[in-house]
Amino acid sequence: MGVEKIEAGMLAISRAGHDKDTCYIVWDMDETYVWLVDGRLRPLEKPKKKKRKHIQIQYTIPENLREKLSRKESIRNEDIKFAIKLHSSRELRK
């Protein structure tokens, strides 16, 4: 079983720390860390740095973010909040 590549825009759930079970969007990454945003407490201007092992990647990019990323449009905090809100409402319906 191969490890899938993490990309900017993917959903991630915090699995450790005071923010456990919080949903974020991956904004940037390196070998050890990912930088996460939620558009509210962690806006694009101040992403949260977290070790990869402390998050669970969902390997899906919300449609509104995928469109903006593919067209190389700028993403705003409102776009991030909307993507997380849609994901959360879908999870509640399951």
N, C-alpha and C. Protein backbone atom coordinates (compact mmCIF):
# COMPACT_ATOMS: atom_id res chain seq x y z
N MET A 1 0.84 -1.18 0.00
CA MET A 1 0.00 0.00 0.00
C MET A 1 0.88 1.24 0.00
N GLY A 2 0.78 2.07 -1.02
CA GLY A 2 1.62 3.26 -1.13
C GLY A 2 1.04 4.45 -0.38
N VAL A 3 1.92 5.34 -0.03
CA VAL A 3 1.49 6.55 0.65
C VAL A 3 1.14 7.59 -0.40
N GLU A 4 -0.06 8.15 -0.29
CA GLU A 4 -0.47 9.17 -1.26
C GLU A 4 0.20 10.49 -0.94
N LYS A 5 0.40 11.28 -1.96
CA LYS A 5 1.07 12.56 -1.82
C LYS A 5 0.11 13.60 -1.24
N ILE A 6 0.60 14.39 -0.31
CA ILE A 6 -0.19 15.48 0.27
C ILE A 6 -0.05 16.70 -0.63
N GLU A 7 -1.17 17.35 -0.93
CA GLU A 7 -1.17 18.54 -1.77
C GLU A 7 -1.84 19.70 -1.04
N ALA A 8 -1.48 20.90 -1.43
CA ALA A 8 -2.14 22.08 -0.90
C ALA A 8 -3.61 22.04 -1.26
N GLY A 9 -4.47 22.38 -0.32
CA GLY A 9 -5.90 22.38 -0.55
C GLY A 9 -6.61 21.16 0.02
N MET A 10 -5.86 20.13 0.40
CA MET A 10 -6.48 18.93 0.96
C MET A 10 -6.99 19.19 2.37
N LEU A 11 -8.04 18.48 2.72
CA LEU A 11 -8.57 18.56 4.07
C LEU A 11 -7.70 17.73 5.01
N ALA A 12 -7.56 18.21 6.25
CA ALA A 12 -6.78 17.49 7.25
C ALA A 12 -7.47 17.64 8.60
N ILE A 13 -7.47 16.57 9.38
CA ILE A 13 -8.04 16.58 10.72
C ILE A 13 -6.90 16.44 11.71
N SER A 14 -6.88 17.33 12.70
CA SER A 14 -5.86 17.26 13.74
C SER A 14 -6.12 16.05 14.62
N ARG A 15 -5.09 15.27 14.88
CA ARG A 15 -5.22 14.07 15.70
C ARG A 15 -4.48 14.17 17.02
N ALA A 16 -3.83 15.31 17.30
CA ALA A 16 -3.11 15.47 18.55
C ALA A 16 -3.05 16.95 18.91
N GLY A 17 -2.94 17.21 20.20
CA GLY A 17 -2.82 18.59 20.66
C GLY A 17 -4.16 19.15 21.13
N HIS A 18 -4.13 20.41 21.53
CA HIS A 18 -5.34 21.05 22.05
C HIS A 18 -6.40 21.25 20.98
N ASP A 19 -6.04 21.14 19.73
CA ASP A 19 -6.97 21.32 18.62
C ASP A 19 -7.43 19.98 18.02
N LYS A 20 -7.32 18.90 18.79
CA LYS A 20 -7.69 17.57 18.31
C LYS A 20 -9.09 17.59 17.71
N ASP A 21 -9.26 16.89 16.59
CA ASP A 21 -10.52 16.76 15.85
C ASP A 21 -10.94 18.03 15.12
N THR A 22 -10.06 19.00 15.00
CA THR A 22 -10.35 20.22 14.26
C THR A 22 -10.01 20.00 12.79
N CYS A 23 -10.88 20.50 11.92
CA CYS A 23 -10.68 20.36 10.48
C CYS A 23 -9.92 21.58 9.95
N TYR A 24 -8.92 21.33 9.12
CA TYR A 24 -8.10 22.37 8.51
C TYR A 24 -7.95 22.09 7.02
N ILE A 25 -7.37 23.06 6.33
CA ILE A 25 -6.95 22.89 4.95
C ILE A 25 -5.43 22.96 4.93
N VAL A 26 -4.78 22.03 4.23
CA VAL A 26 -3.33 22.05 4.09
C VAL A 26 -2.97 23.23 3.18
N TRP A 27 -2.11 24.10 3.69
CA TRP A 27 -1.70 25.27 2.91
C TRP A 27 -0.31 25.11 2.32
N ASP A 28 0.58 24.48 3.06
CA ASP A 28 1.95 24.26 2.61
C ASP A 28 2.49 23.05 3.35
N MET A 29 3.60 22.51 2.89
CA MET A 29 4.18 21.34 3.53
C MET A 29 5.65 21.21 3.20
N ASP A 30 6.38 20.48 4.05
CA ASP A 30 7.74 20.05 3.76
C ASP A 30 7.86 18.60 4.21
N GLU A 31 9.05 18.11 4.38
CA GLU A 31 9.25 16.70 4.73
C GLU A 31 8.67 16.34 6.10
N THR A 32 8.72 17.27 7.07
CA THR A 32 8.31 16.97 8.44
C THR A 32 7.01 17.64 8.85
N TYR A 33 6.78 18.84 8.34
CA TYR A 33 5.65 19.65 8.81
C TYR A 33 4.66 19.97 7.70
N VAL A 34 3.44 20.29 8.15
CA VAL A 34 2.43 20.89 7.26
C VAL A 34 1.98 22.18 7.91
N TRP A 35 1.58 23.13 7.09
CA TRP A 35 1.04 24.39 7.59
C TRP A 35 -0.45 24.37 7.27
N LEU A 36 -1.26 24.53 8.31
CA LEU A 36 -2.70 24.37 8.20
C LEU A 36 -3.43 25.69 8.41
N VAL A 37 -4.53 25.88 7.70
CA VAL A 37 -5.35 27.08 7.85
C VAL A 37 -6.81 26.67 8.00
N ASP A 38 -7.57 27.52 8.70
CA ASP A 38 -9.01 27.30 8.79
C ASP A 38 -9.81 28.55 8.41
N GLY A 39 -9.12 29.63 8.09
CA GLY A 39 -9.79 30.85 7.67
C GLY A 39 -10.35 31.67 8.80
N ARG A 40 -10.28 31.17 10.02
CA ARG A 40 -10.87 31.86 11.15
C ARG A 40 -9.79 32.10 12.21
N LEU A 41 -9.54 31.11 13.05
CA LEU A 41 -8.50 31.24 14.07
C LEU A 41 -7.10 31.12 13.46
N ARG A 42 -7.01 30.39 12.37
CA ARG A 42 -5.76 30.23 11.64
C ARG A 42 -5.96 30.70 10.20
N PRO A 43 -5.89 32.04 10.00
CA PRO A 43 -6.07 32.57 8.65
C PRO A 43 -4.86 32.29 7.77
N LEU A 44 -4.98 32.59 6.51
CA LEU A 44 -3.89 32.38 5.55
C LEU A 44 -2.63 33.12 5.96
N GLU A 45 -2.80 34.24 6.62
CA GLU A 45 -1.65 35.06 7.03
C GLU A 45 -0.90 34.48 8.23
N LYS A 46 -1.52 33.52 8.94
CA LYS A 46 -0.90 32.96 10.15
C LYS A 46 -1.22 31.46 10.25
N PRO A 47 -0.67 30.64 9.35
CA PRO A 47 -0.99 29.21 9.37
C PRO A 47 -0.39 28.50 10.59
N LYS A 48 -1.00 27.38 10.95
CA LYS A 48 -0.55 26.57 12.08
C LYS A 48 0.45 25.54 11.57
N LYS A 49 1.61 25.48 12.20
CA LYS A 49 2.64 24.50 11.86
C LYS A 49 2.41 23.26 12.71
N LYS A 50 2.28 22.11 12.05
CA LYS A 50 2.01 20.87 12.77
C LYS A 50 2.76 19.74 12.11
N LYS A 51 3.25 18.80 12.91
CA LYS A 51 3.94 17.64 12.36
C LYS A 51 2.97 16.76 11.60
N ARG A 52 3.46 16.19 10.51
CA ARG A 52 2.62 15.34 9.65
C ARG A 52 2.00 14.18 10.43
N LYS A 53 2.74 13.63 11.38
CA LYS A 53 2.23 12.46 12.10
C LYS A 53 1.05 12.82 13.02
N HIS A 54 0.81 14.11 13.25
CA HIS A 54 -0.26 14.52 14.14
C HIS A 54 -1.54 14.93 13.40
N ILE A 55 -1.60 14.64 12.10
CA ILE A 55 -2.81 14.96 11.34
C ILE A 55 -3.25 13.74 10.54
N GLN A 56 -4.51 13.74 10.18
CA GLN A 56 -5.05 12.71 9.30
C GLN A 56 -5.52 13.41 8.04
N ILE A 57 -4.89 13.09 6.93
CA ILE A 57 -5.23 13.71 5.65
C ILE A 57 -6.46 13.01 5.07
N GLN A 58 -7.37 13.79 4.51
CA GLN A 58 -8.58 13.24 3.91
C GLN A 58 -8.40 12.93 2.42
N TYR A 59 -7.32 13.40 1.79
CA TYR A 59 -7.00 13.16 0.38
C TYR A 59 -8.10 13.60 -0.57
N THR A 60 -8.84 14.63 -0.16
CA THR A 60 -9.81 15.26 -1.05
C THR A 60 -9.60 16.77 -0.97
N ILE A 61 -9.78 17.41 -2.10
CA ILE A 61 -9.71 18.87 -2.15
C ILE A 61 -11.12 19.36 -2.43
N PRO A 62 -11.68 20.20 -1.55
CA PRO A 62 -13.03 20.70 -1.78
C PRO A 62 -13.14 21.37 -3.16
N GLU A 63 -14.29 21.20 -3.79
CA GLU A 63 -14.49 21.65 -5.17
C GLU A 63 -14.21 23.13 -5.36
N ASN A 64 -14.66 23.98 -4.42
CA ASN A 64 -14.44 25.42 -4.59
C ASN A 64 -12.95 25.76 -4.58
N LEU A 65 -12.17 25.07 -3.77
CA LEU A 65 -10.72 25.31 -3.74
C LEU A 65 -10.03 24.71 -4.96
N ARG A 66 -10.49 23.55 -5.38
CA ARG A 66 -9.89 22.90 -6.56
C ARG A 66 -10.02 23.80 -7.78
N GLU A 67 -11.19 24.39 -7.98
CA GLU A 67 -11.40 25.28 -9.12
C GLU A 67 -10.46 26.49 -9.07
N LYS A 68 -10.37 27.11 -7.90
CA LYS A 68 -9.51 28.29 -7.77
C LYS A 68 -8.04 27.93 -7.94
N LEU A 69 -7.62 26.80 -7.39
CA LEU A 69 -6.23 26.37 -7.53
C LEU A 69 -5.90 26.05 -9.00
N SER A 70 -6.81 25.40 -9.69
CA SER A 70 -6.55 25.05 -11.09
C SER A 70 -6.48 26.28 -11.99
N ARG A 71 -7.25 27.31 -11.64
CA ARG A 71 -7.23 28.55 -12.43
C ARG A 71 -6.20 29.55 -11.90
N LYS A 72 -5.46 29.13 -10.87
CA LYS A 72 -4.42 29.95 -10.25
C LYS A 72 -4.97 31.28 -9.73
N GLU A 73 -6.22 31.23 -9.24
CA GLU A 73 -6.83 32.41 -8.63
C GLU A 73 -6.39 32.48 -7.17
N SER A 74 -6.45 33.68 -6.61
CA SER A 74 -6.09 33.82 -5.20
C SER A 74 -7.20 33.25 -4.33
N ILE A 75 -6.80 32.64 -3.26
CA ILE A 75 -7.74 32.04 -2.31
C ILE A 75 -7.81 32.95 -1.09
N ARG A 76 -9.03 33.17 -0.63
CA ARG A 76 -9.25 34.04 0.53
C ARG A 76 -9.66 33.20 1.73
N ASN A 77 -9.60 33.81 2.90
CA ASN A 77 -10.01 33.12 4.12
C ASN A 77 -11.47 32.67 4.04
N GLU A 78 -12.31 33.44 3.37
CA GLU A 78 -13.72 33.07 3.21
C GLU A 78 -13.87 31.78 2.42
N ASP A 79 -13.01 31.57 1.42
CA ASP A 79 -13.04 30.33 0.64
C ASP A 79 -12.68 29.13 1.51
N ILE A 80 -11.70 29.32 2.38
CA ILE A 80 -11.27 28.26 3.30
C ILE A 80 -12.41 27.92 4.26
N LYS A 81 -13.01 28.93 4.87
CA LYS A 81 -14.11 28.71 5.81
C LYS A 81 -15.27 27.98 5.13
N PHE A 82 -15.60 28.38 3.91
CA PHE A 82 -16.70 27.76 3.18
C PHE A 82 -16.41 26.29 2.89
N ALA A 83 -15.18 25.98 2.49
CA ALA A 83 -14.80 24.59 2.18
C ALA A 83 -14.90 23.71 3.43
N ILE A 84 -14.44 24.22 4.56
CA ILE A 84 -14.51 23.45 5.81
C ILE A 84 -15.96 23.28 6.25
N LYS A 85 -16.76 24.32 6.09
CA LYS A 85 -18.17 24.26 6.47
C LYS A 85 -18.91 23.20 5.64
N LEU A 86 -18.65 23.17 4.34
CA LEU A 86 -19.28 22.16 3.48
C LEU A 86 -18.87 20.75 3.89
N HIS A 87 -17.59 20.57 4.15
CA HIS A 87 -17.09 19.25 4.56
C HIS A 87 -17.74 18.83 5.88
N SER A 88 -17.80 19.74 6.84
CA SER A 88 -18.37 19.42 8.15
C SER A 88 -19.85 19.07 8.04
N SER A 89 -20.58 19.79 7.22
CA SER A 89 -22.02 19.50 7.07
C SER A 89 -22.22 18.14 6.40
N ARG A 90 -21.36 17.77 5.47
CA ARG A 90 -21.47 16.45 4.84
C ARG A 90 -21.16 15.33 5.84
N GLU A 91 -20.16 15.57 6.70
CA GLU A 91 -19.80 14.57 7.70
C GLU A 91 -20.93 14.36 8.70
N LEU A 92 -21.66 15.42 9.05
CA LEU A 92 -22.76 15.30 9.99
C LEU A 92 -23.92 14.50 9.40
N ARG A 93 -24.08 14.56 8.08
CA ARG A 93 -25.17 13.85 7.43
C ARG A 93 -24.90 12.35 7.29
N LYS A 94 -23.66 11.94 7.45
CA LYS A 94 -23.32 10.51 7.30
C LYS A 94 -23.85 9.71 8.46
